[in-house]
Each structure stands twice: as structure tokens, then as C-alpha cells.
Amino acid sequence: MSLAEKLIKDFEQLSENKKKEVIDFVEFLKIKERKEKMELMDSVIEENEEALKELAK
């Protein structure tokens, strides 16, 4: 059984309130992941600012 199949099977057994909590948690994780990616990109840009300016010429 794949992780997705297990998740769906377990999810279907939850009450509606618990399902909403799971969905809220997934949304939280997606936002957190986006924030981490943005912070990483900001860091890369800051660390390579001079090189990026040279490339932009």
C-alpha cells in the first residue's frame, strides 16, 4: 500500500471535525514549505548579489 493510499484510507475513517484538522494541517505544511523556499531564495540572492548584478549587465 502506498503512502497516498494509506493516507486516504485513514482519512476516510476520521470524523468530519478531524478531517478538517487534517486539511488545516496540510495547508499549514504547504505554507511553511513555501516560506522556507522563499527564505532559501532570499539567502541565495543575498549571498550572490554581486554576481547577479554582473550577470544583469
PDB file of N, CA and C in Angstrom:
ATOM      1  N   MET A   1       0.853  -1.175   0.000  1.00  0.00           N
ATOM      2  CA  MET A   1       0.000   0.000   0.000  1.00  0.00           C
ATOM      3  C   MET A   1       0.901   1.241   0.000  1.00  0.00           C
ATOM      4  N   SER A   2       0.615   2.158  -0.891  1.00  0.00           N
ATOM      5  CA  SER A   2       1.413   3.381  -0.961  1.00  0.00           C
ATOM      6  C   SER A   2       1.035   4.323   0.175  1.00  0.00           C
ATOM      7  N   LEU A   3       1.881   5.313   0.381  1.00  0.00           N
ATOM      8  CA  LEU A   3       1.585   6.310   1.420  1.00  0.00           C
ATOM      9  C   LEU A   3       0.273   7.028   1.129  1.00  0.00           C
ATOM     10  N   ALA A   4       0.046   7.369  -0.134  1.00  0.00           N
ATOM     11  CA  ALA A   4      -1.186   8.067  -0.501  1.00  0.00           C
ATOM     12  C   ALA A   4      -2.411   7.198  -0.208  1.00  0.00           C
ATOM     13  N   GLU A   5      -2.318   5.917  -0.535  1.00  0.00           N
ATOM     14  CA  GLU A   5      -3.437   5.006  -0.270  1.00  0.00           C
ATOM     15  C   GLU A   5      -3.703   4.877   1.219  1.00  0.00           C
ATOM     16  N   LYS A   6      -2.636   4.771   2.009  1.00  0.00           N
ATOM     17  CA  LYS A   6      -2.793   4.681   3.467  1.00  0.00           C
ATOM     18  C   LYS A   6      -3.416   5.952   4.020  1.00  0.00           C
ATOM     19  N   LEU A   7      -2.949   7.082   3.528  1.00  0.00           N
ATOM     20  CA  LEU A   7      -3.482   8.362   3.993  1.00  0.00           C
ATOM     21  C   LEU A   7      -4.973   8.464   3.693  1.00  0.00           C
ATOM     22  N   ILE A   8      -5.353   8.111   2.490  1.00  0.00           N
ATOM     23  CA  ILE A   8      -6.771   8.170   2.108  1.00  0.00           C
ATOM     24  C   ILE A   8      -7.601   7.223   2.963  1.00  0.00           C
ATOM     25  N   LYS A   9      -7.101   6.011   3.149  1.00  0.00           N
ATOM     26  CA  LYS A   9      -7.834   5.019   3.960  1.00  0.00           C
ATOM     27  C   LYS A   9      -8.014   5.535   5.387  1.00  0.00           C
ATOM     28  N   ASP A  10      -6.935   6.026   5.990  1.00  0.00           N
ATOM     29  CA  ASP A  10      -7.021   6.534   7.361  1.00  0.00           C
ATOM     30  C   ASP A  10      -7.892   7.784   7.435  1.00  0.00           C
ATOM     31  N   PHE A  11      -7.751   8.657   6.443  1.00  0.00           N
ATOM     32  CA  PHE A  11      -8.523   9.901   6.410  1.00  0.00           C
ATOM     33  C   PHE A  11     -10.020   9.611   6.371  1.00  0.00           C
ATOM     34  N   GLU A  12     -10.411   8.646   5.560  1.00  0.00           N
ATOM     35  CA  GLU A  12     -11.829   8.308   5.411  1.00  0.00           C
ATOM     36  C   GLU A  12     -12.453   7.804   6.701  1.00  0.00           C
ATOM     37  N   GLN A  13     -11.647   7.312   7.624  1.00  0.00           N
ATOM     38  CA  GLN A  13     -12.162   6.775   8.883  1.00  0.00           C
ATOM     39  C   GLN A  13     -12.322   7.847   9.963  1.00  0.00           C
ATOM     40  N   LEU A  14     -11.865   9.051   9.687  1.00  0.00           N
ATOM     41  CA  LEU A  14     -11.938  10.126  10.678  1.00  0.00           C
ATOM     42  C   LEU A  14     -13.305  10.795  10.684  1.00  0.00           C
ATOM     43  N   SER A  15     -13.615  11.441  11.808  1.00  0.00           N
ATOM     44  CA  SER A  15     -14.827  12.246  11.889  1.00  0.00           C
ATOM     45  C   SER A  15     -14.637  13.499  11.022  1.00  0.00           C
ATOM     46  N   GLU A  16     -15.721  14.170  10.716  1.00  0.00           N
ATOM     47  CA  GLU A  16     -15.640  15.387   9.891  1.00  0.00           C
ATOM     48  C   GLU A  16     -14.752  16.444  10.540  1.00  0.00           C
ATOM     49  N   ASN A  17     -14.844  16.598  11.857  1.00  0.00           N
ATOM     50  CA  ASN A  17     -14.004  17.586  12.540  1.00  0.00           C
ATOM     51  C   ASN A  17     -12.526  17.251  12.422  1.00  0.00           C
ATOM     52  N   LYS A  18     -12.198  15.976  12.564  1.00  0.00           N
ATOM     53  CA  LYS A  18     -10.795  15.556  12.438  1.00  0.00           C
ATOM     54  C   LYS A  18     -10.314  15.710  11.002  1.00  0.00           C
ATOM     55  N   LYS A  19     -11.190  15.456  10.036  1.00  0.00           N
ATOM     56  CA  LYS A  19     -10.827  15.660   8.634  1.00  0.00           C
ATOM     57  C   LYS A  19     -10.469  17.125   8.389  1.00  0.00           C
ATOM     58  N   LYS A  20     -11.243  18.028   8.971  1.00  0.00           N
ATOM     59  CA  LYS A  20     -10.962  19.457   8.827  1.00  0.00           C
ATOM     60  C   LYS A  20      -9.607  19.800   9.448  1.00  0.00           C
ATOM     61  N   GLU A  21      -9.294  19.175  10.587  1.00  0.00           N
ATOM     62  CA  GLU A  21      -7.993  19.407  11.223  1.00  0.00           C
ATOM     63  C   GLU A  21      -6.856  18.923  10.328  1.00  0.00           C
ATOM     64  N   VAL A  22      -7.044  17.768   9.701  1.00  0.00           N
ATOM     65  CA  VAL A  22      -6.020  17.236   8.798  1.00  0.00           C
ATOM     66  C   VAL A  22      -5.813  18.194   7.628  1.00  0.00           C
ATOM     67  N   ILE A  23      -6.897  18.679   7.053  1.00  0.00           N
ATOM     68  CA  ILE A  23      -6.798  19.617   5.930  1.00  0.00           C
ATOM     69  C   ILE A  23      -6.108  20.900   6.368  1.00  0.00           C
ATOM     70  N   ASP A  24      -6.462  21.408   7.546  1.00  0.00           N
ATOM     71  CA  ASP A  24      -5.800  22.605   8.068  1.00  0.00           C
ATOM     72  C   ASP A  24      -4.307  22.374   8.242  1.00  0.00           C
ATOM     73  N   PHE A  25      -3.936  21.190   8.741  1.00  0.00           N
ATOM     74  CA  PHE A  25      -2.524  20.880   8.956  1.00  0.00           C
ATOM     75  C   PHE A  25      -1.776  20.792   7.631  1.00  0.00           C
ATOM     76  N   VAL A  26      -2.393  20.186   6.631  1.00  0.00           N
ATOM     77  CA  VAL A  26      -1.766  20.098   5.307  1.00  0.00           C
ATOM     78  C   VAL A  26      -1.555  21.500   4.746  1.00  0.00           C
ATOM     79  N   GLU A  27      -2.540  22.370   4.899  1.00  0.00           N
ATOM     80  CA  GLU A  27      -2.397  23.752   4.428  1.00  0.00           C
ATOM     81  C   GLU A  27      -1.255  24.454   5.171  1.00  0.00           C
ATOM     82  N   PHE A  28      -1.159  24.226   6.478  1.00  0.00           N
ATOM     83  CA  PHE A  28      -0.064  24.786   7.265  1.00  0.00           C
ATOM     84  C   PHE A  28       1.282  24.321   6.729  1.00  0.00           C
ATOM     85  N   LEU A  29       1.404  23.034   6.442  1.00  0.00           N
ATOM     86  CA  LEU A  29       2.663  22.496   5.922  1.00  0.00           C
ATOM     87  C   LEU A  29       3.012  23.091   4.566  1.00  0.00           C
ATOM     88  N   LYS A  30       2.012  23.295   3.712  1.00  0.00           N
ATOM     89  CA  LYS A  30       2.263  23.892   2.401  1.00  0.00           C
ATOM     90  C   LYS A  30       2.764  25.328   2.542  1.00  0.00           C
ATOM     91  N   ILE A  31       2.147  26.087   3.434  1.00  0.00           N
ATOM     92  CA  ILE A  31       2.572  27.467   3.671  1.00  0.00           C
ATOM     93  C   ILE A  31       3.984  27.494   4.233  1.00  0.00           C
ATOM     94  N   LYS A  32       4.256  26.597   5.184  1.00  0.00           N
ATOM     95  CA  LYS A  32       5.591  26.523   5.788  1.00  0.00           C
ATOM     96  C   LYS A  32       6.640  26.193   4.735  1.00  0.00           C
ATOM     97  N   GLU A  33       6.327  25.260   3.851  1.00  0.00           N
ATOM     98  CA  GLU A  33       7.271  24.875   2.803  1.00  0.00           C
ATOM     99  C   GLU A  33       7.542  26.039   1.851  1.00  0.00           C
ATOM    100  N   ARG A  34       6.475  26.766   1.484  1.00  0.00           N
ATOM    101  CA  ARG A  34       6.662  27.933   0.614  1.00  0.00           C
ATOM    102  C   ARG A  34       7.532  28.982   1.282  1.00  0.00           C
ATOM    103  N   LYS A  35       7.294  29.209   2.575  1.00  0.00           N
ATOM    104  CA  LYS A  35       8.078  30.189   3.321  1.00  0.00           C
ATOM    105  C   LYS A  35       9.551  29.772   3.367  1.00  0.00           C
ATOM    106  N   GLU A  36       9.807  28.502   3.606  1.00  0.00           N
ATOM    107  CA  GLU A  36      11.183  28.006   3.653  1.00  0.00           C
ATOM    108  C   GLU A  36      11.869  28.176   2.296  1.00  0.00           C
ATOM    109  N   LYS A  37      11.139  27.916   1.204  1.00  0.00           N
ATOM    110  CA  LYS A  37      11.702  28.098  -0.138  1.00  0.00           C
ATOM    111  C   LYS A  37      12.012  29.571  -0.396  1.00  0.00           C
ATOM    112  N   MET A  38      11.114  30.451   0.019  1.00  0.00           N
ATOM    113  CA  MET A  38      11.337  31.887  -0.176  1.00  0.00           C
ATOM    114  C   MET A  38      12.549  32.356   0.624  1.00  0.00           C
ATOM    115  N   GLU A  39      12.674  31.877   1.844  1.00  0.00           N
ATOM    116  CA  GLU A  39      13.826  32.245   2.669  1.00  0.00           C
ATOM    117  C   GLU A  39      15.123  31.733   2.053  1.00  0.00           C
ATOM    118  N   LEU A  40      15.098  30.537   1.492  1.00  0.00           N
ATOM    119  CA  LEU A  40      16.274  29.984   0.829  1.00  0.00           C
ATOM    120  C   LEU A  40      16.641  30.824  -0.392  1.00  0.00           C
ATOM    121  N   MET A  41      15.649  31.182  -1.180  1.00  0.00           N
ATOM    122  CA  MET A  41      15.914  32.000  -2.368  1.00  0.00           C
ATOM    123  C   MET A  41      16.451  33.371  -1.968  1.00  0.00           C
ATOM    124  N   ASP A  42      15.887  33.977  -0.937  1.00  0.00           N
ATOM    125  CA  ASP A  42      16.389  35.260  -0.450  1.00  0.00           C
ATOM    126  C   ASP A  42      17.850  35.131  -0.032  1.00  0.00           C
ATOM    127  N   SER A  43      18.178  34.046   0.629  1.00  0.00           N
ATOM    128  CA  SER A  43      19.542  33.804   1.078  1.00  0.00           C
ATOM    129  C   SER A  43      20.490  33.654  -0.113  1.00  0.00           C
ATOM    130  N   VAL A  44      20.078  32.893  -1.116  1.00  0.00           N
ATOM    131  CA  VAL A  44      20.901  32.696  -2.311  1.00  0.00           C
ATOM    132  C   VAL A  44      21.131  34.038  -3.014  1.00  0.00           C
ATOM    133  N   ILE A  45      20.084  34.827  -3.115  1.00  0.00           N
ATOM    134  CA  ILE A  45      20.207  36.135  -3.769  1.00  0.00           C
ATOM    135  C   ILE A  45      21.156  37.038  -2.990  1.00  0.00           C
ATOM    136  N   GLU A  46      20.986  37.085  -1.681  1.00  0.00           N
ATOM    137  CA  GLU A  46      21.855  37.926  -0.854  1.00  0.00           C
ATOM    138  C   GLU A  46      23.316  37.490  -0.948  1.00  0.00           C
ATOM    139  N   GLU A  47      23.558  36.190  -0.918  1.00  0.00           N
ATOM    140  CA  GLU A  47      24.922  35.667  -0.954  1.00  0.00           C
ATOM    141  C   GLU A  47      25.589  35.869  -2.311  1.00  0.00           C
ATOM    142  N   ASN A  48      24.782  36.026  -3.342  1.00  0.00           N
ATOM    143  CA  ASN A  48      25.320  36.130  -4.699  1.00  0.00           C
ATOM    144  C   ASN A  48      24.940  37.443  -5.373  1.00  0.00           C
ATOM    145  N   GLU A  49      24.698  38.460  -4.574  1.00  0.00           N
ATOM    146  CA  GLU A  49      24.216  39.735  -5.099  1.00  0.00           C
ATOM    147  C   GLU A  49      25.155  40.329  -6.147  1.00  0.00           C
ATOM    148  N   GLU A  50      26.432  40.331  -5.865  1.00  0.00           N
ATOM    149  CA  GLU A  50      27.392  40.924  -6.797  1.00  0.00           C
ATOM    150  C   GLU A  50      27.437  40.152  -8.111  1.00  0.00           C
ATOM    151  N   ALA A  51      27.456  38.844  -8.030  1.00  0.00           N
ATOM    152  CA  ALA A  51      27.492  38.030  -9.252  1.00  0.00           C
ATOM    153  C   ALA A  51      26.220  38.234 -10.071  1.00  0.00           C
ATOM    154  N   LEU A  52      25.086  38.335  -9.403  1.00  0.00           N
ATOM    155  CA  LEU A  52      23.828  38.550 -10.106  1.00  0.00           C
ATOM    156  C   LEU A  52      23.810  39.915 -10.787  1.00  0.00           C
ATOM    157  N   LYS A  53      24.379  40.917 -10.136  1.00  0.00           N
ATOM    158  CA  LYS A  53      24.468  42.252 -10.750  1.00  0.00           C
ATOM    159  C   LYS A  53      25.337  42.200 -12.002  1.00  0.00           C
ATOM    160  N   GLU A  54      26.423  41.447 -11.951  1.00  0.00           N
ATOM    161  CA  GLU A  54      27.299  41.319 -13.110  1.00  0.00           C
ATOM    162  C   GLU A  54      26.568  40.605 -14.262  1.00  0.00           C
ATOM    163  N   LEU A  55      25.825  39.595 -13.936  1.00  0.00           N
ATOM    164  CA  LEU A  55      25.084  38.876 -14.967  1.00  0.00           C
ATOM    165  C   LEU A  55      24.000  39.735 -15.597  1.00  0.00           C
ATOM    166  N   ALA A  56      23.465  40.669 -14.839  1.00  0.00           N
ATOM    167  CA  ALA A  56      22.385  41.512 -15.323  1.00  0.00           C
ATOM    168  C   ALA A  56      22.886  42.571 -16.315  1.00  0.00           C
ATOM    169  N   LYS A  57      24.187  42.786 -16.369  1.00  0.00           N
ATOM    170  CA  LYS A  57      24.733  43.823 -17.268  1.00  0.00           C
ATOM    171  C   LYS A  57      24.647  43.430 -18.713  1.00  0.00           C
TER     172      LYS A  57
END
